[in-house]
């Protein structure tokens, strides 16, 4: 699935990384706990979260995640946007809650990947 398809499915707005909307997304995870992302997520292409702070960008960078979707209409501040731009990350925002956003993507065929246990 392309990032541009994610944008359509979630009625998202692009915050950063418009030049990367042709990139592929092979899987996704949804979490507001960055410790869970670090502990249980492997090979994820996209992170959906309601947490909007610099730790999200740092976690995504560590896990090689290049696309982040902020749910529930959350908007990152300028420092988060700048961090994402410096790392060539796509940041999207959607009004859908986390559960619904993940469900819509799953329904459209996006895998959840395999968590590491």
PDB file of N, CA and C in Angstrom:
ATOM      1  N   UNK A   1       0.851  -1.172   0.000  1.00  0.00           N
ATOM      2  CA  UNK A   1       0.000   0.000   0.000  1.00  0.00           C
ATOM      3  C   UNK A   1       0.903   1.244   0.000  1.00  0.00           C
ATOM      4  N   UNK A   2       0.548   2.201  -0.776  1.00  0.00           N
ATOM      5  CA  UNK A   2       1.284   3.468  -0.841  1.00  0.00           C
ATOM      6  C   UNK A   2       0.796   4.408   0.264  1.00  0.00           C
ATOM      7  N   UNK A   3       1.668   5.321   0.686  1.00  0.00           N
ATOM      8  CA  UNK A   3       1.280   6.320   1.688  1.00  0.00           C
ATOM      9  C   UNK A   3       0.079   7.117   1.196  1.00  0.00           C
ATOM     10  N   UNK A   4       0.034   7.415  -0.091  1.00  0.00           N
ATOM     11  CA  UNK A   4      -1.102   8.193  -0.622  1.00  0.00           C
ATOM     12  C   UNK A   4      -2.426   7.452  -0.442  1.00  0.00           C
ATOM     13  N   UNK A   5      -2.395   6.110  -0.464  1.00  0.00           N
ATOM     14  CA  UNK A   5      -3.604   5.333  -0.203  1.00  0.00           C
ATOM     15  C   UNK A   5      -4.004   5.428   1.268  1.00  0.00           C
ATOM     16  N   UNK A   6      -3.022   5.420   2.150  1.00  0.00           N
ATOM     17  CA  UNK A   6      -3.289   5.598   3.586  1.00  0.00           C
ATOM     18  C   UNK A   6      -3.985   6.931   3.803  1.00  0.00           C
ATOM     19  N   UNK A   7      -3.491   7.955   3.132  1.00  0.00           N
ATOM     20  CA  UNK A   7      -4.074   9.294   3.247  1.00  0.00           C
ATOM     21  C   UNK A   7      -5.546   9.273   2.850  1.00  0.00           C
ATOM     22  N   UNK A   8      -5.859   8.586   1.779  1.00  0.00           N
ATOM     23  CA  UNK A   8      -7.253   8.505   1.318  1.00  0.00           C
ATOM     24  C   UNK A   8      -8.113   7.697   2.281  1.00  0.00           C
ATOM     25  N   UNK A   9      -7.622   6.560   2.703  1.00  0.00           N
ATOM     26  CA  UNK A   9      -8.393   5.669   3.579  1.00  0.00           C
ATOM     27  C   UNK A   9      -8.731   6.352   4.905  1.00  0.00           C
ATOM     28  N   UNK A  10      -7.771   7.093   5.446  1.00  0.00           N
ATOM     29  CA  UNK A  10      -7.952   7.723   6.761  1.00  0.00           C
ATOM     30  C   UNK A  10      -8.386   9.181   6.685  1.00  0.00           C
ATOM     31  N   UNK A  11      -8.664   9.674   5.482  1.00  0.00           N
ATOM     32  CA  UNK A  11      -8.992  11.097   5.320  1.00  0.00           C
ATOM     33  C   UNK A  11      -7.973  11.961   6.050  1.00  0.00           C
ATOM     34  N   UNK A  12      -6.708  11.648   5.817  1.00  0.00           N
ATOM     35  CA  UNK A  12      -5.608  12.297   6.539  1.00  0.00           C
ATOM     36  C   UNK A  12      -5.193  13.616   5.909  1.00  0.00           C
ATOM     37  N   UNK A  13      -4.518  14.396   6.721  1.00  0.00           N
ATOM     38  CA  UNK A  13      -3.847  15.608   6.260  1.00  0.00           C
ATOM     39  C   UNK A  13      -2.349  15.368   6.413  1.00  0.00           C
ATOM     40  N   UNK A  14      -1.580  15.846   5.432  1.00  0.00           N
ATOM     41  CA  UNK A  14      -0.128  15.696   5.466  1.00  0.00           C
ATOM     42  C   UNK A  14       0.473  16.838   6.282  1.00  0.00           C
ATOM     43  N   UNK A  15       1.276  16.480   7.265  1.00  0.00           N
ATOM     44  CA  UNK A  15       1.969  17.479   8.082  1.00  0.00           C
ATOM     45  C   UNK A  15       3.397  17.667   7.566  1.00  0.00           C
ATOM     46  N   UNK A  16       4.092  16.557   7.322  1.00  0.00           N
ATOM     47  CA  UNK A  16       5.436  16.596   6.737  1.00  0.00           C
ATOM     48  C   UNK A  16       5.583  15.432   5.770  1.00  0.00           C
ATOM     49  N   UNK A  17       6.543  15.567   4.860  1.00  0.00           N
ATOM     50  CA  UNK A  17       6.910  14.467   3.985  1.00  0.00           C
ATOM     51  C   UNK A  17       6.049  14.272   2.764  1.00  0.00           C
ATOM     52  N   UNK A  18       5.452  15.323   2.277  1.00  0.00           N
ATOM     53  CA  UNK A  18       4.593  15.200   1.092  1.00  0.00           C
ATOM     54  C   UNK A  18       5.337  14.560  -0.082  1.00  0.00           C
ATOM     55  N   UNK A  19       6.640  14.776  -0.146  1.00  0.00           N
ATOM     56  CA  UNK A  19       7.430  14.228  -1.248  1.00  0.00           C
ATOM     57  C   UNK A  19       7.592  12.705  -1.170  1.00  0.00           C
ATOM     58  N   UNK A  20       7.154  12.104  -0.065  1.00  0.00           N
ATOM     59  CA  UNK A  20       7.310  10.658   0.113  1.00  0.00           C
ATOM     60  C   UNK A  20       5.993   9.882   0.015  1.00  0.00           C
ATOM     61  N   UNK A  21       4.930  10.498  -0.496  1.00  0.00           N
ATOM     62  CA  UNK A  21       3.626   9.817  -0.487  1.00  0.00           C
ATOM     63  C   UNK A  21       3.542   8.653  -1.471  1.00  0.00           C
ATOM     64  N   UNK A  22       4.511   8.513  -2.345  1.00  0.00           N
ATOM     65  CA  UNK A  22       4.562   7.357  -3.247  1.00  0.00           C
ATOM     66  C   UNK A  22       5.295   6.176  -2.610  1.00  0.00           C
ATOM     67  N   UNK A  23       5.833   6.362  -1.408  1.00  0.00           N
ATOM     68  CA  UNK A  23       6.529   5.272  -0.724  1.00  0.00           C
ATOM     69  C   UNK A  23       5.547   4.179  -0.328  1.00  0.00           C
ATOM     70  N   UNK A  24       6.067   2.959  -0.259  1.00  0.00           N
ATOM     71  CA  UNK A  24       5.264   1.818   0.152  1.00  0.00           C
ATOM     72  C   UNK A  24       5.217   1.687   1.663  1.00  0.00           C
ATOM     73  N   UNK A  25       4.082   1.218   2.157  1.00  0.00           N
ATOM     74  CA  UNK A  25       3.900   0.848   3.560  1.00  0.00           C
ATOM     75  C   UNK A  25       3.456  -0.605   3.540  1.00  0.00           C
ATOM     76  N   UNK A  26       4.226  -1.489   4.171  1.00  0.00           N
ATOM     77  CA  UNK A  26       3.938  -2.923   4.122  1.00  0.00           C
ATOM     78  C   UNK A  26       3.194  -3.433   5.347  1.00  0.00           C
ATOM     79  N   UNK A  27       3.297  -2.696   6.451  1.00  0.00           N
ATOM     80  CA  UNK A  27       2.634  -3.117   7.685  1.00  0.00           C
ATOM     81  C   UNK A  27       2.509  -1.909   8.599  1.00  0.00           C
ATOM     82  N   UNK A  28       1.775  -2.091   9.697  1.00  0.00           N
ATOM     83  CA  UNK A  28       1.550  -0.977  10.621  1.00  0.00           C
ATOM     84  C   UNK A  28       1.351  -1.496  12.033  1.00  0.00           C
ATOM     85  N   UNK A  29       1.510  -0.590  12.981  1.00  0.00           N
ATOM     86  CA  UNK A  29       1.191  -0.895  14.374  1.00  0.00           C
ATOM     87  C   UNK A  29       0.512   0.334  14.977  1.00  0.00           C
ATOM     88  N   UNK A  30      -0.306   0.099  15.977  1.00  0.00           N
ATOM     89  CA  UNK A  30      -0.994   1.183  16.662  1.00  0.00           C
ATOM     90  C   UNK A  30      -0.728   1.090  18.151  1.00  0.00           C
ATOM     91  N   UNK A  31      -0.175   2.159  18.734  1.00  0.00           N
ATOM     92  CA  UNK A  31       0.119   2.151  20.163  1.00  0.00           C
ATOM     93  C   UNK A  31       0.352   3.562  20.667  1.00  0.00           C
ATOM     94  N   UNK A  32      -0.061   3.792  21.903  1.00  0.00           N
ATOM     95  CA  UNK A  32       0.274   5.041  22.588  1.00  0.00           C
ATOM     96  C   UNK A  32       1.412   4.835  23.574  1.00  0.00           C
ATOM     97  N   UNK A  33       1.899   3.616  23.698  1.00  0.00           N
ATOM     98  CA  UNK A  33       3.011   3.304  24.595  1.00  0.00           C
ATOM     99  C   UNK A  33       4.259   3.020  23.769  1.00  0.00           C
ATOM    100  N   UNK A  34       5.190   3.952  23.768  1.00  0.00           N
ATOM    101  CA  UNK A  34       6.395   3.779  22.977  1.00  0.00           C
ATOM    102  C   UNK A  34       7.228   2.614  23.495  1.00  0.00           C
ATOM    103  N   UNK A  35       7.124   2.289  24.768  1.00  0.00           N
ATOM    104  CA  UNK A  35       7.838   1.126  25.299  1.00  0.00           C
ATOM    105  C   UNK A  35       7.321  -0.157  24.651  1.00  0.00           C
ATOM    106  N   UNK A  36       6.022  -0.239  24.372  1.00  0.00           N
ATOM    107  CA  UNK A  36       5.475  -1.403  23.677  1.00  0.00           C
ATOM    108  C   UNK A  36       5.963  -1.466  22.237  1.00  0.00           C
ATOM    109  N   UNK A  37       6.066  -0.320  21.594  1.00  0.00           N
ATOM    110  CA  UNK A  37       6.576  -0.288  20.225  1.00  0.00           C
ATOM    111  C   UNK A  37       8.002  -0.823  20.215  1.00  0.00           C
ATOM    112  N   UNK A  38       8.808  -0.389  21.164  1.00  0.00           N
ATOM    113  CA  UNK A  38      10.192  -0.852  21.238  1.00  0.00           C
ATOM    114  C   UNK A  38      10.285  -2.338  21.576  1.00  0.00           C
ATOM    115  N   UNK A  39       9.412  -2.811  22.443  1.00  0.00           N
ATOM    116  CA  UNK A  39       9.495  -4.188  22.926  1.00  0.00           C
ATOM    117  C   UNK A  39       8.864  -5.209  21.999  1.00  0.00           C
ATOM    118  N   UNK A  40       7.779  -4.854  21.324  1.00  0.00           N
ATOM    119  CA  UNK A  40       6.996  -5.860  20.624  1.00  0.00           C
ATOM    120  C   UNK A  40       6.885  -5.671  19.118  1.00  0.00           C
ATOM    121  N   UNK A  41       7.378  -4.584  18.590  1.00  0.00           N
ATOM    122  CA  UNK A  41       7.184  -4.300  17.173  1.00  0.00           C
ATOM    123  C   UNK A  41       8.473  -4.579  16.418  1.00  0.00           C
ATOM    124  N   UNK A  42       8.318  -5.260  15.286  1.00  0.00           N
ATOM    125  CA  UNK A  42       9.465  -5.531  14.430  1.00  0.00           C
ATOM    126  C   UNK A  42       9.038  -5.345  12.980  1.00  0.00           C
ATOM    127  N   UNK A  43       9.895  -4.700  12.227  1.00  0.00           N
ATOM    128  CA  UNK A  43       9.678  -4.529  10.787  1.00  0.00           C
ATOM    129  C   UNK A  43       8.342  -3.866  10.468  1.00  0.00           C
ATOM    130  N   UNK A  44       8.003  -2.848  11.195  1.00  0.00           N
ATOM    131  CA  UNK A  44       6.755  -2.136  10.921  1.00  0.00           C
ATOM    132  C   UNK A  44       7.047  -0.944  10.015  1.00  0.00           C
ATOM    133  N   UNK A  45       6.158  -0.685   9.107  1.00  0.00           N
ATOM    134  CA  UNK A  45       6.344   0.409   8.182  1.00  0.00           C
ATOM    135  C   UNK A  45       5.670   1.698   8.598  1.00  0.00           C
ATOM    136  N   UNK A  46       4.714   1.603   9.523  1.00  0.00           N
ATOM    137  CA  UNK A  46       3.949   2.788   9.897  1.00  0.00           C
ATOM    138  C   UNK A  46       3.488   2.659  11.344  1.00  0.00           C
ATOM    139  N   UNK A  47       3.494   3.779  12.044  1.00  0.00           N
ATOM    140  CA  UNK A  47       3.039   3.828  13.433  1.00  0.00           C
ATOM    141  C   UNK A  47       1.824   4.734  13.527  1.00  0.00           C
ATOM    142  N   UNK A  48       0.769   4.237  14.145  1.00  0.00           N
ATOM    143  CA  UNK A  48      -0.404   5.057  14.441  1.00  0.00           C
ATOM    144  C   UNK A  48      -0.426   5.281  15.941  1.00  0.00           C
ATOM    145  N   UNK A  49      -0.583   6.527  16.373  1.00  0.00           N
ATOM    146  CA  UNK A  49      -0.542   6.839  17.794  1.00  0.00           C
ATOM    147  C   UNK A  49      -1.279   8.136  18.100  1.00  0.00           C
ATOM    148  N   UNK A  50      -1.693   8.252  19.342  1.00  0.00           N
ATOM    149  CA  UNK A  50      -2.291   9.486  19.828  1.00  0.00           C
ATOM    150  C   UNK A  50      -1.303  10.296  20.645  1.00  0.00           C
ATOM    151  N   UNK A  51      -0.111   9.755  20.812  1.00  0.00           N
ATOM    152  CA  UNK A  51       0.942  10.433  21.564  1.00  0.00           C
ATOM    153  C   UNK A  51       1.671  11.388  20.630  1.00  0.00           C
ATOM    154  N   UNK A  52       1.728  12.654  20.991  1.00  0.00           N
ATOM    155  CA  UNK A  52       2.328  13.661  20.113  1.00  0.00           C
ATOM    156  C   UNK A  52       3.457  14.365  20.864  1.00  0.00           C
ATOM    157  N   UNK A  53       4.634  13.740  20.839  1.00  0.00           N
ATOM    158  CA  UNK A  53       5.801  14.367  21.455  1.00  0.00           C
ATOM    159  C   UNK A  53       7.065  13.867  20.760  1.00  0.00           C
ATOM    160  N   UNK A  54       8.211  14.453  21.065  1.00  0.00           N
ATOM    161  CA  UNK A  54       9.456  14.057  20.386  1.00  0.00           C
ATOM    162  C   UNK A  54       9.819  12.585  20.572  1.00  0.00           C
ATOM    163  N   UNK A  55       9.372  11.972  21.654  1.00  0.00           N
ATOM    164  CA  UNK A  55       9.695  10.564  21.887  1.00  0.00           C
ATOM    165  C   UNK A  55       9.141   9.666  20.776  1.00  0.00           C
ATOM    166  N   UNK A  56       8.022  10.049  20.198  1.00  0.00           N
ATOM    167  CA  UNK A  56       7.446   9.274  19.094  1.00  0.00           C
ATOM    168  C   UNK A  56       8.413   9.263  17.909  1.00  0.00           C
ATOM    169  N   UNK A  57       8.975  10.404  17.588  1.00  0.00           N
ATOM    170  CA  UNK A  57       9.922  10.490  16.469  1.00  0.00           C
ATOM    171  C   UNK A  57      11.170   9.678  16.781  1.00  0.00           C
ATOM    172  N   UNK A  58      11.691   9.785  17.999  1.00  0.00           N
ATOM    173  CA  UNK A  58      12.881   9.017  18.377  1.00  0.00           C
ATOM    174  C   UNK A  58      12.627   7.515  18.313  1.00  0.00           C
ATOM    175  N   UNK A  59      11.466   7.096  18.795  1.00  0.00           N
ATOM    176  CA  UNK A  59      11.115   5.673  18.759  1.00  0.00           C
ATOM    177  C   UNK A  59      10.986   5.189  17.322  1.00  0.00           C
ATOM    178  N   UNK A  60      10.296   5.953  16.500  1.00  0.00           N
ATOM    179  CA  UNK A  60      10.126   5.583  15.092  1.00  0.00           C
ATOM    180  C   UNK A  60      11.479   5.464  14.402  1.00  0.00           C
ATOM    181  N   UNK A  61      12.365   6.380  14.693  1.00  0.00           N
ATOM    182  CA  UNK A  61      13.695   6.334  14.088  1.00  0.00           C
ATOM    183  C   UNK A  61      14.437   5.059  14.505  1.00  0.00           C
ATOM    184  N   UNK A  62      14.367   4.714  15.769  1.00  0.00           N
ATOM    185  CA  UNK A  62      15.038   3.508  16.262  1.00  0.00           C
ATOM    186  C   UNK A  62      14.473   2.242  15.615  1.00  0.00           C
ATOM    187  N   UNK A  63      13.185   2.247  15.314  1.00  0.00           N
ATOM    188  CA  UNK A  63      12.526   1.065  14.763  1.00  0.00           C
ATOM    189  C   UNK A  63      12.430   1.106  13.233  1.00  0.00           C
ATOM    190  N   UNK A  64      13.090   2.074  12.619  1.00  0.00           N
ATOM    191  CA  UNK A  64      13.093   2.225  11.165  1.00  0.00           C
ATOM    192  C   UNK A  64      11.683   2.410  10.601  1.00  0.00           C
ATOM    193  N   UNK A  65      10.877   3.177  11.323  1.00  0.00           N
ATOM    194  CA  UNK A  65       9.527   3.537  10.894  1.00  0.00           C
ATOM    195  C   UNK A  65       9.600   4.911  10.240  1.00  0.00           C
ATOM    196  N   UNK A  66       9.052   5.021   9.028  1.00  0.00           N
ATOM    197  CA  UNK A  66       9.167   6.274   8.280  1.00  0.00           C
ATOM    198  C   UNK A  66       7.850   7.030   8.125  1.00  0.00           C
ATOM    199  N   UNK A  67       6.761   6.417   8.551  1.00  0.00           N
ATOM    200  CA  UNK A  67       5.457   7.069   8.442  1.00  0.00           C
ATOM    201  C   UNK A  67       4.747   6.978   9.786  1.00  0.00           C
ATOM    202  N   UNK A  68       4.275   8.122  10.265  1.00  0.00           N
ATOM    203  CA  UNK A  68       3.552   8.199  11.536  1.00  0.00           C
ATOM    204  C   UNK A  68       2.214   8.867  11.288  1.00  0.00           C
ATOM    205  N   UNK A  69       1.170   8.272  11.847  1.00  0.00           N
ATOM    206  CA  UNK A  69      -0.165   8.851  11.760  1.00  0.00           C
ATOM    207  C   UNK A  69      -0.614   9.212  13.169  1.00  0.00           C
ATOM    208  N   UNK A  70      -0.849  10.494  13.402  1.00  0.00           N
ATOM    209  CA  UNK A  70      -1.402  10.943  14.673  1.00  0.00           C
ATOM    210  C   UNK A  70      -2.921  10.873  14.572  1.00  0.00           C
ATOM    211  N   UNK A  71      -3.528  10.151  15.502  1.00  0.00           N
ATOM    212  CA  UNK A  71      -4.975   9.922  15.482  1.00  0.00           C
ATOM    213  C   UNK A  71      -5.700  10.951  16.347  1.00  0.00           C
ATOM    214  N   UNK A  72      -7.033  10.887  16.314  1.00  0.00           N
ATOM    215  CA  UNK A  72      -7.904  11.758  17.104  1.00  0.00           C
ATOM    216  C   UNK A  72      -7.648  13.246  16.847  1.00  0.00           C
ATOM    217  N   UNK A  73      -7.205  13.573  15.636  1.00  0.00           N
ATOM    218  CA  UNK A  73      -6.991  14.968  15.265  1.00  0.00           C
ATOM    219  C   UNK A  73      -5.811  15.631  15.940  1.00  0.00           C
ATOM    220  N   UNK A  74      -4.946  14.843  16.542  1.00  0.00           N
ATOM    221  CA  UNK A  74      -3.782  15.410  17.248  1.00  0.00           C
ATOM    222  C   UNK A  74      -2.856  16.111  16.263  1.00  0.00           C
ATOM    223  N   UNK A  75      -2.293  17.227  16.700  1.00  0.00           N
ATOM    224  CA  UNK A  75      -1.391  18.028  15.885  1.00  0.00           C
ATOM    225  C   UNK A  75      -0.043  18.154  16.589  1.00  0.00           C
ATOM    226  N   UNK A  76       1.043  17.796  15.913  1.00  0.00           N
ATOM    227  CA  UNK A  76       2.367  17.946  16.524  1.00  0.00           C
ATOM    228  C   UNK A  76       2.782  19.407  16.567  1.00  0.00           C
ATOM    229  N   UNK A  77       3.616  19.730  17.551  1.00  0.00           N
ATOM    230  CA  UNK A  77       4.135  21.098  17.599  1.00  0.00           C
ATOM    231  C   UNK A  77       5.313  21.223  16.627  1.00  0.00           C
ATOM    232  N   UNK A  78       5.846  22.427  16.516  1.00  0.00           N
ATOM    233  CA  UNK A  78       6.891  22.696  15.533  1.00  0.00           C
ATOM    234  C   UNK A  78       8.146  21.874  15.759  1.00  0.00           C
ATOM    235  N   UNK A  79       8.492  21.588  17.012  1.00  0.00           N
ATOM    236  CA  UNK A  79       9.709  20.813  17.276  1.00  0.00           C
ATOM    237  C   UNK A  79       9.569  19.386  16.764  1.00  0.00           C
ATOM    238  N   UNK A  80       8.393  18.807  16.914  1.00  0.00           N
ATOM    239  CA  UNK A  80       8.145  17.451  16.418  1.00  0.00           C
ATOM    240  C   UNK A  80       8.164  17.448  14.889  1.00  0.00           C
ATOM    241  N   UNK A  81       7.549  18.444  14.290  1.00  0.00           N
ATOM    242  CA  UNK A  81       7.556  18.547  12.830  1.00  0.00           C
ATOM    243  C   UNK A  81       8.981  18.652  12.298  1.00  0.00           C
ATOM    244  N   UNK A  82       9.789  19.472  12.942  1.00  0.00           N
ATOM    245  CA  UNK A  82      11.169  19.670  12.502  1.00  0.00           C
ATOM    246  C   UNK A  82      11.981  18.379  12.630  1.00  0.00           C
ATOM    247  N   UNK A  83      11.798  17.672  13.742  1.00  0.00           N
ATOM    248  CA  UNK A  83      12.493  16.392  13.922  1.00  0.00           C
ATOM    249  C   UNK A  83      12.118  15.415  12.806  1.00  0.00           C
ATOM    250  N   UNK A  84      10.845  15.358  12.463  1.00  0.00           N
ATOM    251  CA  UNK A  84      10.383  14.457  11.407  1.00  0.00           C
ATOM    252  C   UNK A  84      10.968  14.854  10.052  1.00  0.00           C
ATOM    253  N   UNK A  85      10.988  16.134   9.760  1.00  0.00           N
ATOM    254  CA  UNK A  85      11.550  16.608   8.491  1.00  0.00           C
ATOM    255  C   UNK A  85      13.020  16.238   8.377  1.00  0.00           C
ATOM    256  N   UNK A  86      13.770  16.427   9.454  1.00  0.00           N
ATOM    257  CA  UNK A  86      15.202  16.107   9.458  1.00  0.00           C
ATOM    258  C   UNK A  86      15.453  14.628   9.197  1.00  0.00           C
ATOM    259  N   UNK A  87      14.470  13.777   9.507  1.00  0.00           N
ATOM    260  CA  UNK A  87      14.613  12.330   9.357  1.00  0.00           C
ATOM    261  C   UNK A  87      13.856  11.784   8.147  1.00  0.00           C
ATOM    262  N   UNK A  88      13.383  12.693   7.295  1.00  0.00           N
ATOM    263  CA  UNK A  88      12.635  12.305   6.083  1.00  0.00           C
ATOM    264  C   UNK A  88      11.440  11.413   6.409  1.00  0.00           C
ATOM    265  N   UNK A  89      10.692  11.775   7.444  1.00  0.00           N
ATOM    266  CA  UNK A  89       9.515  11.019   7.852  1.00  0.00           C
ATOM    267  C   UNK A  89       8.242  11.680   7.341  1.00  0.00           C
ATOM    268  N   UNK A  90       7.276  10.835   7.044  1.00  0.00           N
ATOM    269  CA  UNK A  90       5.941  11.313   6.696  1.00  0.00           C
ATOM    270  C   UNK A  90       5.136  11.379   7.989  1.00  0.00           C
ATOM    271  N   UNK A  91       4.541  12.530   8.251  1.00  0.00           N
ATOM    272  CA  UNK A  91       3.653  12.698   9.393  1.00  0.00           C
ATOM    273  C   UNK A  91       2.273  13.050   8.856  1.00  0.00           C
ATOM    274  N   UNK A  92       1.293  12.243   9.266  1.00  0.00           N
ATOM    275  CA  UNK A  92      -0.097  12.468   8.881  1.00  0.00           C
ATOM    276  C   UNK A  92      -0.925  12.659  10.140  1.00  0.00           C
ATOM    277  N   UNK A  93      -2.090  13.272   9.987  1.00  0.00           N
ATOM    278  CA  UNK A  93      -3.041  13.352  11.083  1.00  0.00           C
ATOM    279  C   UNK A  93      -4.426  12.986  10.555  1.00  0.00           C
ATOM    280  N   UNK A  94      -5.161  12.257  11.383  1.00  0.00           N
ATOM    281  CA  UNK A  94      -6.522  11.858  11.038  1.00  0.00           C
ATOM    282  C   UNK A  94      -7.426  12.102  12.235  1.00  0.00           C
ATOM    283  N   UNK A  95      -8.686  12.350  11.973  1.00  0.00           N
ATOM    284  CA  UNK A  95      -9.649  12.549  13.055  1.00  0.00           C
ATOM    285  C   UNK A  95     -10.142  11.230  13.654  1.00  0.00           C
ATOM    286  N   UNK A  96      -9.879  10.120  12.971  1.00  0.00           N
ATOM    287  CA  UNK A  96     -10.328   8.830  13.486  1.00  0.00           C
ATOM    288  C   UNK A  96      -9.599   8.468  14.782  1.00  0.00           C
ATOM    289  N   UNK A  97     -10.288   7.770  15.693  1.00  0.00           N
ATOM    290  CA  UNK A  97      -9.590   7.240  16.872  1.00  0.00           C
ATOM    291  C   UNK A  97      -8.677   6.089  16.444  1.00  0.00           C
ATOM    292  N   UNK A  98      -7.757   5.712  17.305  1.00  0.00           N
ATOM    293  CA  UNK A  98      -6.758   4.695  16.991  1.00  0.00           C
ATOM    294  C   UNK A  98      -7.384   3.386  16.526  1.00  0.00           C
ATOM    295  N   UNK A  99      -8.366   2.896  17.251  1.00  0.00           N
ATOM    296  CA  UNK A  99      -8.998   1.621  16.933  1.00  0.00           C
ATOM    297  C   UNK A  99      -9.629   1.635  15.542  1.00  0.00           C
ATOM    298  N   UNK A 100     -10.329   2.690  15.232  1.00  0.00           N
ATOM    299  CA  UNK A 100     -11.008   2.798  13.931  1.00  0.00           C
ATOM    300  C   UNK A 100      -9.980   2.952  12.813  1.00  0.00           C
ATOM    301  N   UNK A 101      -8.962   3.779  13.026  1.00  0.00           N
ATOM    302  CA  UNK A 101      -7.933   3.980  12.003  1.00  0.00           C
ATOM    303  C   UNK A 101      -7.225   2.667  11.680  1.00  0.00           C
ATOM    304  N   UNK A 102      -6.852   1.912  12.706  1.00  0.00           N
ATOM    305  CA  UNK A 102      -6.204   0.618  12.486  1.00  0.00           C
ATOM    306  C   UNK A 102      -7.145  -0.333  11.758  1.00  0.00           C
ATOM    307  N   UNK A 103      -8.399  -0.343  12.143  1.00  0.00           N
ATOM    308  CA  UNK A 103      -9.382  -1.209  11.510  1.00  0.00           C
ATOM    309  C   UNK A 103      -9.580  -0.893  10.043  1.00  0.00           C
ATOM    310  N   UNK A 104      -9.642   0.383   9.714  1.00  0.00           N
ATOM    311  CA  UNK A 104      -9.813   0.786   8.318  1.00  0.00           C
ATOM    312  C   UNK A 104      -8.627   0.327   7.464  1.00  0.00           C
ATOM    313  N   UNK A 105      -7.429   0.455   7.999  1.00  0.00           N
ATOM    314  CA  UNK A 105      -6.249   0.034   7.254  1.00  0.00           C
ATOM    315  C   UNK A 105      -6.189  -1.488   7.116  1.00  0.00           C
ATOM    316  N   UNK A 106      -6.544  -2.184   8.172  1.00  0.00           N
ATOM    317  CA  UNK A 106      -6.564  -3.642   8.123  1.00  0.00           C
ATOM    318  C   UNK A 106      -7.596  -4.124   7.102  1.00  0.00           C
ATOM    319  N   UNK A 107      -8.752  -3.504   7.133  1.00  0.00           N
ATOM    320  CA  UNK A 107      -9.827  -3.847   6.197  1.00  0.00           C
ATOM    321  C   UNK A 107      -9.398  -3.610   4.746  1.00  0.00           C
ATOM    322  N   UNK A 108      -8.541  -2.610   4.547  1.00  0.00           N
ATOM    323  CA  UNK A 108      -8.051  -2.293   3.205  1.00  0.00           C
ATOM    324  C   UNK A 108      -6.880  -3.189   2.778  1.00  0.00           C
ATOM    325  N   UNK A 109      -6.479  -4.103   3.690  1.00  0.00           N
ATOM    326  CA  UNK A 109      -5.447  -5.074   3.321  1.00  0.00           C
ATOM    327  C   UNK A 109      -4.084  -4.854   3.911  1.00  0.00           C
ATOM    328  N   UNK A 110      -3.906  -3.838   4.748  1.00  0.00           N
ATOM    329  CA  UNK A 110      -2.590  -3.593   5.347  1.00  0.00           C
ATOM    330  C   UNK A 110      -2.366  -4.533   6.519  1.00  0.00           C
ATOM    331  N   UNK A 111      -1.275  -5.227   6.491  1.00  0.00           N
ATOM    332  CA  UNK A 111      -0.939  -6.211   7.521  1.00  0.00           C
ATOM    333  C   UNK A 111      -0.503  -5.550   8.818  1.00  0.00           C
ATOM    334  N   UNK A 112      -0.688  -6.279   9.892  1.00  0.00           N
ATOM    335  CA  UNK A 112      -0.159  -5.831  11.175  1.00  0.00           C
ATOM    336  C   UNK A 112       1.255  -6.318  11.404  1.00  0.00           C
ATOM    337  N   UNK A 113       1.768  -7.123  10.514  1.00  0.00           N
ATOM    338  CA  UNK A 113       3.109  -7.660  10.682  1.00  0.00           C
ATOM    339  C   UNK A 113       3.146  -8.703  11.773  1.00  0.00           C
ATOM    340  N   UNK A 114       4.322  -9.125  12.127  1.00  0.00           N
ATOM    341  CA  UNK A 114       4.496 -10.114  13.178  1.00  0.00           C
ATOM    342  C   UNK A 114       5.184  -9.474  14.357  1.00  0.00           C
ATOM    343  N   UNK A 115       4.538  -9.428  15.517  1.00  0.00           N
ATOM    344  CA  UNK A 115       5.211  -8.882  16.697  1.00  0.00           C
ATOM    345  C   UNK A 115       6.271  -9.838  17.196  1.00  0.00           C
ATOM    346  N   UNK A 116       7.309  -9.269  17.803  1.00  0.00           N
ATOM    347  CA  UNK A 116       8.316 -10.116  18.437  1.00  0.00           C
ATOM    348  C   UNK A 116       7.916 -10.341  19.865  1.00  0.00           C
ATOM    349  N   UNK A 117       7.883 -11.563  20.293  1.00  0.00           N
ATOM    350  CA  UNK A 117       7.477 -11.901  21.662  1.00  0.00           C
ATOM    351  C   UNK A 117       8.621 -12.512  22.423  1.00  0.00           C
TER     352      UNK A 117
END
